[in-house]
Full PDB file with SEQRES, HELIX, SHEET, SSBOND, CRYST1, ORIGX, SCALE, CONECT and MASTER records, all heavy atoms in Angstrom:
SEQRES   1 A   42  GLY LYS GLU VAL GLU ILE ASP GLU ARG ILE THR GLU GLN          
SEQRES   2 A   42  ASN PHE GLY LYS TYR GLU GLY LEU ASP ARG ASP CYS LYS          
SEQRES   3 A   42  GLU PHE TYR GLU ALA ARG ALA GLN PHE LEU ASN ARG PHE          
SEQRES   4 A   42  SER ASP GLY                                                  
HELIX    1 AA1 GLU A    8  ILE A   10  5                                   3    
HELIX    2 AA2 GLY A   16  TYR A   18  5                                   3    
HELIX    3 AA3 LYS A   26  ARG A   32  1                                   7    
CRYST1    1.000    1.000    1.000  90.00  90.00  90.00 P 1           1          
ORIGX1      1.000000  0.000000  0.000000        0.00000                         
ORIGX2      0.000000  1.000000  0.000000        0.00000                         
ORIGX3      0.000000  0.000000  1.000000        0.00000                         
SCALE1      1.000000  0.000000  0.000000        0.00000                         
SCALE2      0.000000  1.000000  0.000000        0.00000                         
SCALE3      0.000000  0.000000  1.000000        0.00000                         
ATOM      1  N   GLY A   1     -29.475   3.664  -6.685  1.00  0.00           N  
ATOM      2  CA  GLY A   1     -30.270   4.187  -5.580  1.00  0.00           C  
ATOM      3  C   GLY A   1     -29.845   3.714  -4.216  1.00  0.00           C  
ATOM      4  O   GLY A   1     -30.706   3.448  -3.347  1.00  0.00           O  
ATOM      5  N   LYS A   2     -28.558   3.591  -3.988  1.00  0.00           N  
ATOM      6  CA  LYS A   2     -28.059   3.175  -2.676  1.00  0.00           C  
ATOM      7  C   LYS A   2     -27.045   4.172  -2.114  1.00  0.00           C  
ATOM      8  O   LYS A   2     -26.241   4.742  -2.838  1.00  0.00           O  
ATOM      9  CB  LYS A   2     -27.333   1.798  -2.779  1.00  0.00           C  
ATOM     10  CG  LYS A   2     -28.276   0.635  -3.071  1.00  0.00           C  
ATOM     11  CD  LYS A   2     -29.121   0.340  -1.890  1.00  0.00           C  
ATOM     12  CE  LYS A   2     -30.089  -0.779  -2.198  1.00  0.00           C  
ATOM     13  NZ  LYS A   2     -31.007  -1.038  -1.133  1.00  0.00           N  
ATOM     14  N   GLU A   3     -27.127   4.383  -0.791  1.00  0.00           N  
ATOM     15  CA  GLU A   3     -26.148   5.225  -0.089  1.00  0.00           C  
ATOM     16  C   GLU A   3     -24.869   4.428   0.114  1.00  0.00           C  
ATOM     17  O   GLU A   3     -24.876   3.181   0.119  1.00  0.00           O  
ATOM     18  CB  GLU A   3     -26.725   5.654   1.268  1.00  0.00           C  
ATOM     19  CG  GLU A   3     -27.889   6.597   1.168  1.00  0.00           C  
ATOM     20  CD  GLU A   3     -27.540   7.938   0.564  1.00  0.00           C  
ATOM     21  OE1 GLU A   3     -26.493   8.502   0.941  1.00  0.00           O  
ATOM     22  OE2 GLU A   3     -28.333   8.433  -0.297  1.00  0.00           O  
ATOM     23  N   VAL A   4     -23.782   5.142   0.262  1.00  0.00           N  
ATOM     24  CA  VAL A   4     -22.459   4.508   0.471  1.00  0.00           C  
ATOM     25  C   VAL A   4     -22.031   4.644   1.933  1.00  0.00           C  
ATOM     26  O   VAL A   4     -22.089   5.748   2.483  1.00  0.00           O  
ATOM     27  CB  VAL A   4     -21.429   5.162  -0.471  1.00  0.00           C  
ATOM     28  CG1 VAL A   4     -20.030   4.595  -0.187  1.00  0.00           C  
ATOM     29  CG2 VAL A   4     -21.808   4.975  -1.919  1.00  0.00           C  
ATOM     30  N   GLU A   5     -21.616   3.541   2.512  1.00  0.00           N  
ATOM     31  CA  GLU A   5     -21.026   3.545   3.852  1.00  0.00           C  
ATOM     32  C   GLU A   5     -19.530   3.559   3.665  1.00  0.00           C  
ATOM     33  O   GLU A   5     -18.967   2.781   2.873  1.00  0.00           O  
ATOM     34  CB  GLU A   5     -21.431   2.272   4.592  1.00  0.00           C  
ATOM     35  CG  GLU A   5     -22.947   2.076   4.721  1.00  0.00           C  
ATOM     36  CD  GLU A   5     -23.264   0.640   5.173  1.00  0.00           C  
ATOM     37  OE1 GLU A   5     -22.572   0.101   6.057  1.00  0.00           O  
ATOM     38  OE2 GLU A   5     -24.190   0.056   4.571  1.00  0.00           O  
ATOM     39  N   ILE A   6     -18.829   4.397   4.409  1.00  0.00           N  
ATOM     40  CA  ILE A   6     -17.366   4.488   4.368  1.00  0.00           C  
ATOM     41  C   ILE A   6     -16.803   3.654   5.527  1.00  0.00           C  
ATOM     42  O   ILE A   6     -17.297   3.754   6.649  1.00  0.00           O  
ATOM     43  CB  ILE A   6     -16.878   5.963   4.485  1.00  0.00           C  
ATOM     44  CG1 ILE A   6     -17.435   6.793   3.319  1.00  0.00           C  
ATOM     45  CG2 ILE A   6     -15.360   6.011   4.578  1.00  0.00           C  
ATOM     46  CD1 ILE A   6     -16.944   6.363   1.932  1.00  0.00           C  
ATOM     47  N   ASP A   7     -15.797   2.852   5.230  1.00  0.00           N  
ATOM     48  CA  ASP A   7     -15.155   2.034   6.249  1.00  0.00           C  
ATOM     49  C   ASP A   7     -13.633   2.152   6.126  1.00  0.00           C  
ATOM     50  O   ASP A   7     -13.066   1.749   5.100  1.00  0.00           O  
ATOM     51  CB  ASP A   7     -15.585   0.572   6.150  1.00  0.00           C  
ATOM     52  CG  ASP A   7     -15.266  -0.218   7.412  1.00  0.00           C  
ATOM     53  OD1 ASP A   7     -14.100  -0.216   7.860  1.00  0.00           O  
ATOM     54  OD2 ASP A   7     -16.190  -0.884   7.932  1.00  0.00           O  
ATOM     55  N   GLU A   8     -13.006   2.700   7.141  1.00  0.00           N  
ATOM     56  CA  GLU A   8     -11.560   2.912   7.162  1.00  0.00           C  
ATOM     57  C   GLU A   8     -10.746   1.617   6.979  1.00  0.00           C  
ATOM     58  O   GLU A   8      -9.615   1.648   6.498  1.00  0.00           O  
ATOM     59  CB  GLU A   8     -11.128   3.565   8.475  1.00  0.00           C  
ATOM     60  CG  GLU A   8     -11.756   4.910   8.733  1.00  0.00           C  
ATOM     61  CD  GLU A   8     -11.100   6.037   7.983  1.00  0.00           C  
ATOM     62  OE1 GLU A   8      -9.915   5.922   7.634  1.00  0.00           O  
ATOM     63  OE2 GLU A   8     -11.796   7.055   7.742  1.00  0.00           O  
ATOM     64  N   ARG A   9     -11.344   0.514   7.332  1.00  0.00           N  
ATOM     65  CA  ARG A   9     -10.610  -0.760   7.284  1.00  0.00           C  
ATOM     66  C   ARG A   9     -10.249  -1.203   5.874  1.00  0.00           C  
ATOM     67  O   ARG A   9      -9.367  -2.053   5.700  1.00  0.00           O  
ATOM     68  CB  ARG A   9     -11.408  -1.866   8.005  1.00  0.00           C  
ATOM     69  CG  ARG A   9     -11.475  -1.636   9.498  1.00  0.00           C  
ATOM     70  CD  ARG A   9     -12.349  -2.658  10.180  1.00  0.00           C  
ATOM     71  NE  ARG A   9     -13.748  -2.391   9.827  1.00  0.00           N  
ATOM     72  CZ  ARG A   9     -14.802  -3.075  10.344  1.00  0.00           C  
ATOM     73  NH1 ARG A   9     -14.555  -4.065  11.187  1.00  0.00           N  
ATOM     74  NH2 ARG A   9     -16.005  -2.775   9.995  1.00  0.00           N  
ATOM     75  N   ILE A  10     -10.894  -0.612   4.867  1.00  0.00           N  
ATOM     76  CA  ILE A  10     -10.563  -1.002   3.508  1.00  0.00           C  
ATOM     77  C   ILE A  10      -9.816   0.130   2.780  1.00  0.00           C  
ATOM     78  O   ILE A  10      -9.753   0.137   1.547  1.00  0.00           O  
ATOM     79  CB  ILE A  10     -11.808  -1.484   2.708  1.00  0.00           C  
ATOM     80  CG1 ILE A  10     -12.976  -0.473   2.812  1.00  0.00           C  
ATOM     81  CG2 ILE A  10     -12.217  -2.863   3.178  1.00  0.00           C  
ATOM     82  CD1 ILE A  10     -14.187  -0.839   1.975  1.00  0.00           C  
ATOM     83  N   THR A  11      -9.184   0.984   3.551  1.00  0.00           N  
ATOM     84  CA  THR A  11      -8.236   1.935   2.982  1.00  0.00           C  
ATOM     85  C   THR A  11      -7.051   1.150   2.427  1.00  0.00           C  
ATOM     86  O   THR A  11      -6.622   0.167   3.054  1.00  0.00           O  
ATOM     87  CB  THR A  11      -7.739   2.908   4.063  1.00  0.00           C  
ATOM     88  OG1 THR A  11      -8.872   3.569   4.613  1.00  0.00           O  
ATOM     89  CG2 THR A  11      -6.767   3.930   3.505  1.00  0.00           C  
ATOM     90  N   GLU A  12      -6.524   1.574   1.313  1.00  0.00           N  
ATOM     91  CA  GLU A  12      -5.369   0.864   0.718  1.00  0.00           C  
ATOM     92  C   GLU A  12      -4.179   0.893   1.650  1.00  0.00           C  
ATOM     93  O   GLU A  12      -4.046   1.803   2.496  1.00  0.00           O  
ATOM     94  CB  GLU A  12      -5.045   1.483  -0.636  1.00  0.00           C  
ATOM     95  CG  GLU A  12      -3.829   0.844  -1.348  1.00  0.00           C  
ATOM     96  CD  GLU A  12      -4.050  -0.602  -1.725  1.00  0.00           C  
ATOM     97  OE1 GLU A  12      -4.102  -1.483  -0.803  1.00  0.00           O  
ATOM     98  OE2 GLU A  12      -4.120  -0.914  -2.932  1.00  0.00           O  
ATOM     99  N   GLN A  13      -3.318  -0.076   1.497  1.00  0.00           N  
ATOM    100  CA  GLN A  13      -2.089  -0.194   2.296  1.00  0.00           C  
ATOM    101  C   GLN A  13      -1.235   1.065   2.116  1.00  0.00           C  
ATOM    102  O   GLN A  13      -1.098   1.571   0.995  1.00  0.00           O  
ATOM    103  CB  GLN A  13      -1.322  -1.426   1.850  1.00  0.00           C  
ATOM    104  CG  GLN A  13      -0.077  -1.722   2.617  1.00  0.00           C  
ATOM    105  CD  GLN A  13       0.570  -3.052   2.247  1.00  0.00           C  
ATOM    106  OE1 GLN A  13       0.047  -3.779   1.409  1.00  0.00           O  
ATOM    107  NE2 GLN A  13       1.709  -3.338   2.839  1.00  0.00           N  
ATOM    108  N   ASN A  14      -0.631   1.506   3.196  1.00  0.00           N  
ATOM    109  CA  ASN A  14       0.316   2.583   3.130  1.00  0.00           C  
ATOM    110  C   ASN A  14       1.698   1.989   2.786  1.00  0.00           C  
ATOM    111  O   ASN A  14       2.244   1.261   3.594  1.00  0.00           O  
ATOM    112  CB  ASN A  14       0.373   3.340   4.453  1.00  0.00           C  
ATOM    113  CG  ASN A  14       1.356   4.495   4.455  1.00  0.00           C  
ATOM    114  OD1 ASN A  14       2.320   4.503   3.709  1.00  0.00           O  
ATOM    115  ND2 ASN A  14       1.121   5.460   5.330  1.00  0.00           N  
ATOM    116  N   PHE A  15       2.184   2.308   1.604  1.00  0.00           N  
ATOM    117  CA  PHE A  15       3.464   1.721   1.149  1.00  0.00           C  
ATOM    118  C   PHE A  15       4.663   2.591   1.508  1.00  0.00           C  
ATOM    119  O   PHE A  15       5.757   2.410   0.957  1.00  0.00           O  
ATOM    120  CB  PHE A  15       3.418   1.475  -0.343  1.00  0.00           C  
ATOM    121  CG  PHE A  15       2.509   0.345  -0.745  1.00  0.00           C  
ATOM    122  CD1 PHE A  15       1.297   0.605  -1.396  1.00  0.00           C  
ATOM    123  CD2 PHE A  15       2.861  -0.969  -0.466  1.00  0.00           C  
ATOM    124  CE1 PHE A  15       0.470  -0.447  -1.730  1.00  0.00           C  
ATOM    125  CE2 PHE A  15       1.990  -2.002  -0.814  1.00  0.00           C  
ATOM    126  CZ  PHE A  15       0.785  -1.743  -1.452  1.00  0.00           C  
ATOM    127  N   GLY A  16       4.500   3.484   2.447  1.00  0.00           N  
ATOM    128  CA  GLY A  16       5.559   4.275   3.013  1.00  0.00           C  
ATOM    129  C   GLY A  16       6.458   4.928   1.987  1.00  0.00           C  
ATOM    130  O   GLY A  16       5.989   5.681   1.144  1.00  0.00           O  
ATOM    131  N   LYS A  17       7.744   4.613   2.018  1.00  0.00           N  
ATOM    132  CA  LYS A  17       8.755   5.285   1.146  1.00  0.00           C  
ATOM    133  C   LYS A  17       8.543   5.010  -0.332  1.00  0.00           C  
ATOM    134  O   LYS A  17       9.115   5.697  -1.164  1.00  0.00           O  
ATOM    135  CB  LYS A  17      10.145   4.870   1.563  1.00  0.00           C  
ATOM    136  CG  LYS A  17      10.495   3.407   1.322  1.00  0.00           C  
ATOM    137  CD  LYS A  17      11.899   3.087   1.788  1.00  0.00           C  
ATOM    138  CE  LYS A  17      12.310   1.672   1.490  1.00  0.00           C  
ATOM    139  NZ  LYS A  17      13.673   1.407   1.948  1.00  0.00           N  
ATOM    140  N   TYR A  18       7.681   4.049  -0.684  1.00  0.00           N  
ATOM    141  CA  TYR A  18       7.409   3.739  -2.099  1.00  0.00           C  
ATOM    142  C   TYR A  18       6.240   4.495  -2.696  1.00  0.00           C  
ATOM    143  O   TYR A  18       6.031   4.452  -3.891  1.00  0.00           O  
ATOM    144  CB  TYR A  18       7.228   2.232  -2.300  1.00  0.00           C  
ATOM    145  CG  TYR A  18       8.442   1.449  -1.978  1.00  0.00           C  
ATOM    146  CD1 TYR A  18       8.559   0.695  -0.806  1.00  0.00           C  
ATOM    147  CD2 TYR A  18       9.562   1.449  -2.836  1.00  0.00           C  
ATOM    148  CE1 TYR A  18       9.729  -0.014  -0.505  1.00  0.00           C  
ATOM    149  CE2 TYR A  18      10.725   0.727  -2.547  1.00  0.00           C  
ATOM    150  CZ  TYR A  18      10.773   0.001  -1.378  1.00  0.00           C  
ATOM    151  OH  TYR A  18      11.925  -0.721  -1.080  1.00  0.00           O  
ATOM    152  N   GLU A  19       5.457   5.178  -1.864  1.00  0.00           N  
ATOM    153  CA  GLU A  19       4.308   5.934  -2.348  1.00  0.00           C  
ATOM    154  C   GLU A  19       4.756   6.892  -3.465  1.00  0.00           C  
ATOM    155  O   GLU A  19       5.691   7.667  -3.276  1.00  0.00           O  
ATOM    156  CB  GLU A  19       3.611   6.726  -1.231  1.00  0.00           C  
ATOM    157  CG  GLU A  19       3.002   5.861  -0.165  1.00  0.00           C  
ATOM    158  CD  GLU A  19       1.591   5.458  -0.405  1.00  0.00           C  
ATOM    159  OE1 GLU A  19       0.803   6.220  -1.022  1.00  0.00           O  
ATOM    160  OE2 GLU A  19       1.224   4.353   0.031  1.00  0.00           O  
ATOM    161  N   GLY A  20       4.105   6.849  -4.598  1.00  0.00           N  
ATOM    162  CA  GLY A  20       4.376   7.750  -5.709  1.00  0.00           C  
ATOM    163  C   GLY A  20       5.501   7.300  -6.637  1.00  0.00           C  
ATOM    164  O   GLY A  20       5.697   7.896  -7.682  1.00  0.00           O  
ATOM    165  N   LEU A  21       6.226   6.254  -6.278  1.00  0.00           N  
ATOM    166  CA  LEU A  21       7.330   5.795  -7.085  1.00  0.00           C  
ATOM    167  C   LEU A  21       6.861   4.797  -8.147  1.00  0.00           C  
ATOM    168  O   LEU A  21       5.714   4.319  -8.102  1.00  0.00           O  
ATOM    169  CB  LEU A  21       8.400   5.159  -6.242  1.00  0.00           C  
ATOM    170  CG  LEU A  21       9.060   6.068  -5.181  1.00  0.00           C  
ATOM    171  CD1 LEU A  21      10.112   5.309  -4.409  1.00  0.00           C  
ATOM    172  CD2 LEU A  21       9.663   7.309  -5.855  1.00  0.00           C  
ATOM    173  N   ASP A  22       7.736   4.430  -9.080  1.00  0.00           N  
ATOM    174  CA  ASP A  22       7.432   3.497 -10.142  1.00  0.00           C  
ATOM    175  C   ASP A  22       7.071   2.124  -9.530  1.00  0.00           C  
ATOM    176  O   ASP A  22       7.863   1.534  -8.799  1.00  0.00           O  
ATOM    177  CB  ASP A  22       8.662   3.352 -11.051  1.00  0.00           C  
ATOM    178  CG  ASP A  22       8.423   2.436 -12.248  1.00  0.00           C  
ATOM    179  OD1 ASP A  22       7.375   1.768 -12.326  1.00  0.00           O  
ATOM    180  OD2 ASP A  22       9.306   2.399 -13.123  1.00  0.00           O  
ATOM    181  N   ARG A  23       5.878   1.610  -9.847  1.00  0.00           N  
ATOM    182  CA  ARG A  23       5.433   0.342  -9.267  1.00  0.00           C  
ATOM    183  C   ARG A  23       6.157  -0.847  -9.914  1.00  0.00           C  
ATOM    184  O   ARG A  23       6.093  -1.938  -9.397  1.00  0.00           O  
ATOM    185  CB  ARG A  23       3.911   0.218  -9.282  1.00  0.00           C  
ATOM    186  CG  ARG A  23       3.270  -0.089 -10.594  1.00  0.00           C  
ATOM    187  CD  ARG A  23       1.781  -0.358 -10.429  1.00  0.00           C  
ATOM    188  NE  ARG A  23       1.497  -1.520  -9.630  1.00  0.00           N  
ATOM    189  CZ  ARG A  23       1.043  -1.499  -8.371  1.00  0.00           C  
ATOM    190  NH1 ARG A  23       0.783  -0.393  -7.772  1.00  0.00           N  
ATOM    191  NH2 ARG A  23       0.856  -2.633  -7.722  1.00  0.00           N  
ATOM    192  N   ASP A  24       6.801  -0.622 -11.050  1.00  0.00           N  
ATOM    193  CA  ASP A  24       7.524  -1.709 -11.699  1.00  0.00           C  
ATOM    194  C   ASP A  24       8.961  -1.834 -11.168  1.00  0.00           C  
ATOM    195  O   ASP A  24       9.720  -2.684 -11.625  1.00  0.00           O  
ATOM    196  CB  ASP A  24       7.546  -1.494 -13.211  1.00  0.00           C  
ATOM    197  CG  ASP A  24       6.168  -1.603 -13.811  1.00  0.00           C  
ATOM    198  OD1 ASP A  24       5.326  -2.347 -13.276  1.00  0.00           O  
ATOM    199  OD2 ASP A  24       5.901  -0.875 -14.796  1.00  0.00           O  
ATOM    200  N   CYS A  25       9.290  -0.995 -10.208  1.00  0.00           N  
ATOM    201  CA  CYS A  25      10.636  -1.028  -9.595  1.00  0.00           C  
ATOM    202  C   CYS A  25      10.873  -2.362  -8.900  1.00  0.00           C  
ATOM    203  O   CYS A  25      10.026  -2.853  -8.129  1.00  0.00           O  
ATOM    204  CB  CYS A  25      10.725   0.112  -8.568  1.00  0.00           C  
ATOM    205  SG  CYS A  25      12.108   0.033  -7.460  1.00  0.00           S  
ATOM    206  N   LYS A  26      11.965  -3.022  -9.245  1.00  0.00           N  
ATOM    207  CA  LYS A  26      12.280  -4.347  -8.701  1.00  0.00           C  
ATOM    208  C   LYS A  26      12.332  -4.290  -7.140  1.00  0.00           C  
ATOM    209  O   LYS A  26      11.852  -5.206  -6.505  1.00  0.00           O  
ATOM    210  CB  LYS A  26      13.605  -4.856  -9.226  1.00  0.00           C  
ATOM    211  CG  LYS A  26      13.967  -6.253  -8.747  1.00  0.00           C  
ATOM    212  CD  LYS A  26      15.289  -6.715  -9.333  1.00  0.00           C  
ATOM    213  CE  LYS A  26      15.641  -8.089  -8.782  1.00  0.00           C  
ATOM    214  NZ  LYS A  26      16.962  -8.524  -9.155  1.00  0.00           N  
ATOM    215  N   GLU A  27      12.890  -3.233  -6.599  1.00  0.00           N  
ATOM    216  CA  GLU A  27      13.009  -3.105  -5.152  1.00  0.00           C  
ATOM    217  C   GLU A  27      11.609  -3.095  -4.507  1.00  0.00           C  
ATOM    218  O   GLU A  27      11.384  -3.765  -3.481  1.00  0.00           O  
ATOM    219  CB  GLU A  27      13.750  -1.839  -4.778  1.00  0.00           C  
ATOM    220  CG  GLU A  27      13.918  -1.637  -3.299  1.00  0.00           C  
ATOM    221  CD  GLU A  27      14.585  -0.295  -2.942  1.00  0.00           C  
ATOM    222  OE1 GLU A  27      15.220   0.289  -3.829  1.00  0.00           O  
ATOM    223  OE2 GLU A  27      14.415   0.142  -1.800  1.00  0.00           O  
ATOM    224  N   PHE A  28      10.671  -2.354  -5.077  1.00  0.00           N  
ATOM    225  CA  PHE A  28       9.308  -2.330  -4.528  1.00  0.00           C  
ATOM    226  C   PHE A  28       8.661  -3.692  -4.651  1.00  0.00           C  
ATOM    227  O   PHE A  28       8.010  -4.180  -3.719  1.00  0.00           O  
ATOM    228  CB  PHE A  28       8.446  -1.266  -5.232  1.00  0.00           C  
ATOM    229  CG  PHE A  28       6.989  -1.346  -4.834  1.00  0.00           C  
ATOM    230  CD1 PHE A  28       6.564  -1.043  -3.558  1.00  0.00           C  
ATOM    231  CD2 PHE A  28       6.020  -1.728  -5.758  1.00  0.00           C  
ATOM    232  CE1 PHE A  28       5.244  -1.126  -3.170  1.00  0.00           C  
ATOM    233  CE2 PHE A  28       4.677  -1.834  -5.416  1.00  0.00           C  
ATOM    234  CZ  PHE A  28       4.300  -1.525  -4.092  1.00  0.00           C  
ATOM    235  N   TYR A  29       8.781  -4.338  -5.800  1.00  0.00           N  
ATOM    236  CA  TYR A  29       8.162  -5.626  -6.015  1.00  0.00           C  
ATOM    237  C   TYR A  29       8.683  -6.648  -4.993  1.00  0.00           C  
ATOM    238  O   TYR A  29       7.882  -7.377  -4.404  1.00  0.00           O  
ATOM    239  CB  TYR A  29       8.451  -6.121  -7.428  1.00  0.00           C  
ATOM    240  CG  TYR A  29       7.751  -7.425  -7.756  1.00  0.00           C  
ATOM    241  CD1 TYR A  29       6.385  -7.441  -8.109  1.00  0.00           C  
ATOM    242  CD2 TYR A  29       8.433  -8.628  -7.712  1.00  0.00           C  
ATOM    243  CE1 TYR A  29       5.762  -8.631  -8.375  1.00  0.00           C  
ATOM    244  CE2 TYR A  29       7.813  -9.826  -7.988  1.00  0.00           C  
ATOM    245  CZ  TYR A  29       6.461  -9.804  -8.318  1.00  0.00           C  
ATOM    246  OH  TYR A  29       5.814 -10.977  -8.588  1.00  0.00           O  
ATOM    247  N   GLU A  30       9.959  -6.643  -4.744  1.00  0.00           N  
ATOM    248  CA  GLU A  30      10.522  -7.551  -3.752  1.00  0.00           C  
ATOM    249  C   GLU A  30      10.081  -7.215  -2.348  1.00  0.00           C  
ATOM    250  O   GLU A  30       9.823  -8.087  -1.530  1.00  0.00           O  
ATOM    251  CB  GLU A  30      12.065  -7.581  -3.865  1.00  0.00           C  
ATOM    252  CG  GLU A  30      12.547  -8.264  -5.154  1.00  0.00           C  
ATOM    253  CD  GLU A  30      14.037  -8.102  -5.390  1.00  0.00           C  
ATOM    254  OE1 GLU A  30      14.743  -7.398  -4.614  1.00  0.00           O  
ATOM    255  OE2 GLU A  30      14.520  -8.690  -6.394  1.00  0.00           O  
ATOM    256  N   ALA A  31      10.047  -5.913  -2.010  1.00  0.00           N  
ATOM    257  CA  ALA A  31       9.648  -5.491  -0.706  1.00  0.00           C  
ATOM    258  C   ALA A  31       8.178  -5.842  -0.420  1.00  0.00           C  
ATOM    259  O   ALA A  31       7.809  -6.254   0.673  1.00  0.00           O  
ATOM    260  CB  ALA A  31       9.870  -3.974  -0.531  1.00  0.00           C  
ATOM    261  N   ARG A  32       7.346  -5.676  -1.447  1.00  0.00           N  
ATOM    262  CA  ARG A  32       5.923  -5.980  -1.298  1.00  0.00           C  
ATOM    263  C   ARG A  32       5.683  -7.470  -1.029  1.00  0.00           C  
ATOM    264  O   ARG A  32       4.698  -7.845  -0.378  1.00  0.00           O  
ATOM    265  CB  ARG A  32       5.176  -5.532  -2.557  1.00  0.00           C  
ATOM    266  CG  ARG A  32       3.680  -5.478  -2.357  1.00  0.00           C  
ATOM    267  CD  ARG A  32       2.989  -5.087  -3.611  1.00  0.00           C  
ATOM    268  NE  ARG A  32       2.994  -6.258  -4.467  1.00  0.00           N  
ATOM    269  CZ  ARG A  32       2.462  -6.287  -5.673  1.00  0.00           C  
ATOM    270  NH1 ARG A  32       1.970  -5.231  -6.197  1.00  0.00           N  
ATOM    271  NH2 ARG A  32       2.496  -7.403  -6.385  1.00  0.00           N  
ATOM    272  N   ALA A  33       6.534  -8.310  -1.512  1.00  0.00           N  
ATOM    273  CA  ALA A  33       6.398  -9.767  -1.303  1.00  0.00           C  
ATOM    274  C   ALA A  33       6.722 -10.198   0.110  1.00  0.00           C  
ATOM    275  O   ALA A  33       6.465 -11.338   0.494  1.00  0.00           O  
ATOM    276  CB  ALA A  33       7.261 -10.515  -2.306  1.00  0.00           C  
ATOM    277  N   GLN A  34       7.300  -9.303   0.906  1.00  0.00           N  
ATOM    278  CA  GLN A  34       7.626  -9.581   2.304  1.00  0.00           C  
ATOM    279  C   GLN A  34       6.466  -9.059   3.147  1.00  0.00           C  
ATOM    280  O   GLN A  34       6.345  -7.846   3.377  1.00  0.00           O  
ATOM    281  CB  GLN A  34       8.931  -8.886   2.695  1.00  0.00           C  
ATOM    282  CG  GLN A  34      10.115  -9.272   1.813  1.00  0.00           C  
ATOM    283  CD  GLN A  34      10.365 -10.765   1.842  1.00  0.00           C  
ATOM    284  OE1 GLN A  34      10.394 -11.426   2.870  1.00  0.00           O  
ATOM    285  NE2 GLN A  34      10.560 -11.334   0.654  1.00  0.00           N  
ATOM    286  N   PHE A  35       5.587  -9.957   3.603  1.00  0.00           N  
ATOM    287  CA  PHE A  35       4.310  -9.546   4.192  1.00  0.00           C  
ATOM    288  C   PHE A  35       4.433  -8.814   5.532  1.00  0.00           C  
ATOM    289  O   PHE A  35       3.461  -8.268   6.008  1.00  0.00           O  
ATOM    290  CB  PHE A  35       3.401 -10.760   4.320  1.00  0.00           C  
ATOM    291  CG  PHE A  35       2.907 -11.260   2.984  1.00  0.00           C  
ATOM    292  CD1 PHE A  35       2.233 -12.472   2.904  1.00  0.00           C  
ATOM    293  CD2 PHE A  35       3.119 -10.550   1.805  1.00  0.00           C  
ATOM    294  CE1 PHE A  35       1.789 -12.950   1.700  1.00  0.00           C  
ATOM    295  CE2 PHE A  35       2.647 -11.042   0.582  1.00  0.00           C  
ATOM    296  CZ  PHE A  35       1.990 -12.231   0.541  1.00  0.00           C  
ATOM    297  N   LEU A  36       5.621  -8.854   6.149  1.00  0.00           N  
ATOM    298  CA  LEU A  36       5.814  -8.128   7.404  1.00  0.00           C  
ATOM    299  C   LEU A  36       6.506  -6.782   7.176  1.00  0.00           C  
ATOM    300  O   LEU A  36       6.711  -6.022   8.109  1.00  0.00           O  
ATOM    301  CB  LEU A  36       6.596  -8.964   8.413  1.00  0.00           C  
ATOM    302  CG  LEU A  36       5.860 -10.229   8.900  1.00  0.00           C  
ATOM    303  CD1 LEU A  36       6.758 -11.037   9.805  1.00  0.00           C  
ATOM    304  CD2 LEU A  36       4.580  -9.839   9.644  1.00  0.00           C  
ATOM    305  N   ASN A  37       6.885  -6.474   5.956  1.00  0.00           N  
ATOM    306  CA  ASN A  37       7.592  -5.256   5.599  1.00  0.00           C  
ATOM    307  C   ASN A  37       6.684  -4.060   5.772  1.00  0.00           C  
ATOM    308  O   ASN A  37       5.591  -4.012   5.212  1.00  0.00           O  
ATOM    309  CB  ASN A  37       8.126  -5.339   4.166  1.00  0.00           C  
ATOM    310  CG  ASN A  37       9.125  -4.269   3.828  1.00  0.00           C  
ATOM    311  OD1 ASN A  37       9.157  -3.204   4.423  1.00  0.00           O  
ATOM    312  ND2 ASN A  37       9.946  -4.540   2.862  1.00  0.00           N  
ATOM    313  N   ARG A  38       7.167  -3.010   6.511  1.00  0.00           N  
ATOM    314  CA  ARG A  38       6.398  -1.787   6.698  1.00  0.00           C  
ATOM    315  C   ARG A  38       6.878  -0.634   5.839  1.00  0.00           C  
ATOM    316  O   ARG A  38       6.419   0.458   5.996  1.00  0.00           O  
ATOM    317  CB  ARG A  38       6.417  -1.386   8.182  1.00  0.00           C  
ATOM    318  CG  ARG A  38       5.693  -2.373   9.067  1.00  0.00           C  
ATOM    319  CD  ARG A  38       5.642  -1.884  10.504  1.00  0.00           C  
ATOM    320  NE  ARG A  38       5.035  -2.898  11.317  1.00  0.00           N  
ATOM    321  CZ  ARG A  38       5.158  -2.942  12.615  1.00  0.00           C  
ATOM    322  NH1 ARG A  38       5.828  -2.024  13.264  1.00  0.00           N  
ATOM    323  NH2 ARG A  38       4.565  -3.928  13.290  1.00  0.00           N  
ATOM    324  N   PHE A  39       7.809  -0.887   4.951  1.00  0.00           N  
ATOM    325  CA  PHE A  39       8.277   0.104   3.968  1.00  0.00           C  
ATOM    326  C   PHE A  39       8.745   1.395   4.650  1.00  0.00           C  
ATOM    327  O   PHE A  39       8.441   2.488   4.230  1.00  0.00           O  
ATOM    328  CB  PHE A  39       7.178   0.425   2.948  1.00  0.00           C  
ATOM    329  CG  PHE A  39       6.531  -0.805   2.419  1.00  0.00           C  
ATOM    330  CD1 PHE A  39       5.246  -1.170   2.839  1.00  0.00           C  
ATOM    331  CD2 PHE A  39       7.177  -1.655   1.523  1.00  0.00           C  
ATOM    332  CE1 PHE A  39       4.627  -2.320   2.329  1.00  0.00           C  
ATOM    333  CE2 PHE A  39       6.568  -2.780   1.024  1.00  0.00           C  
ATOM    334  CZ  PHE A  39       5.293  -3.115   1.433  1.00  0.00           C  
ATOM    335  N   SER A  40       9.499   1.275   5.747  1.00  0.00           N  
ATOM    336  CA  SER A  40      10.034   2.328   6.576  1.00  0.00           C  
ATOM    337  C   SER A  40       8.939   3.013   7.402  1.00  0.00           C  
ATOM    338  O   SER A  40       8.939   2.862   8.616  1.00  0.00           O  
ATOM    339  CB  SER A  40      10.802   3.358   5.759  1.00  0.00           C  
ATOM    340  OG  SER A  40      11.944   2.802   5.193  1.00  0.00           O  
ATOM    341  N   ASP A  41       8.029   3.697   6.796  1.00  0.00           N  
ATOM    342  CA  ASP A  41       7.019   4.436   7.583  1.00  0.00           C  
ATOM    343  C   ASP A  41       5.604   4.094   7.148  1.00  0.00           C  
ATOM    344  O   ASP A  41       4.688   4.889   7.370  1.00  0.00           O  
ATOM    345  CB  ASP A  41       7.275   5.935   7.507  1.00  0.00           C  
ATOM    346  CG  ASP A  41       7.250   6.474   6.098  1.00  0.00           C  
ATOM    347  OD1 ASP A  41       7.317   5.661   5.119  1.00  0.00           O  
ATOM    348  OD2 ASP A  41       7.174   7.697   5.914  1.00  0.00           O  
ATOM    349  N   GLY A  42       5.404   2.929   6.557  1.00  0.00           N  
ATOM    350  CA  GLY A  42       4.049   2.525   6.094  1.00  0.00           C  
ATOM    351  C   GLY A  42       3.474   1.470   6.989  1.00  0.00           C  
ATOM    352  O   GLY A  42       3.679   1.466   8.211  1.00  0.00           O  
TER     353      GLY A  42                                                      
MASTER        0    0    0    3    0    0    0    6  352    1    0    4          
END                                                                             
């Protein structure tokens, strides 16, 4: 019985060039560990 508030700040991270690709890919795993990496356009 509660309404939902939407907040853009908790939208998932944009992983740029990796969106839709295999998440077990070594390249993605290594790139994700670099906290300043923007994944080209993410």
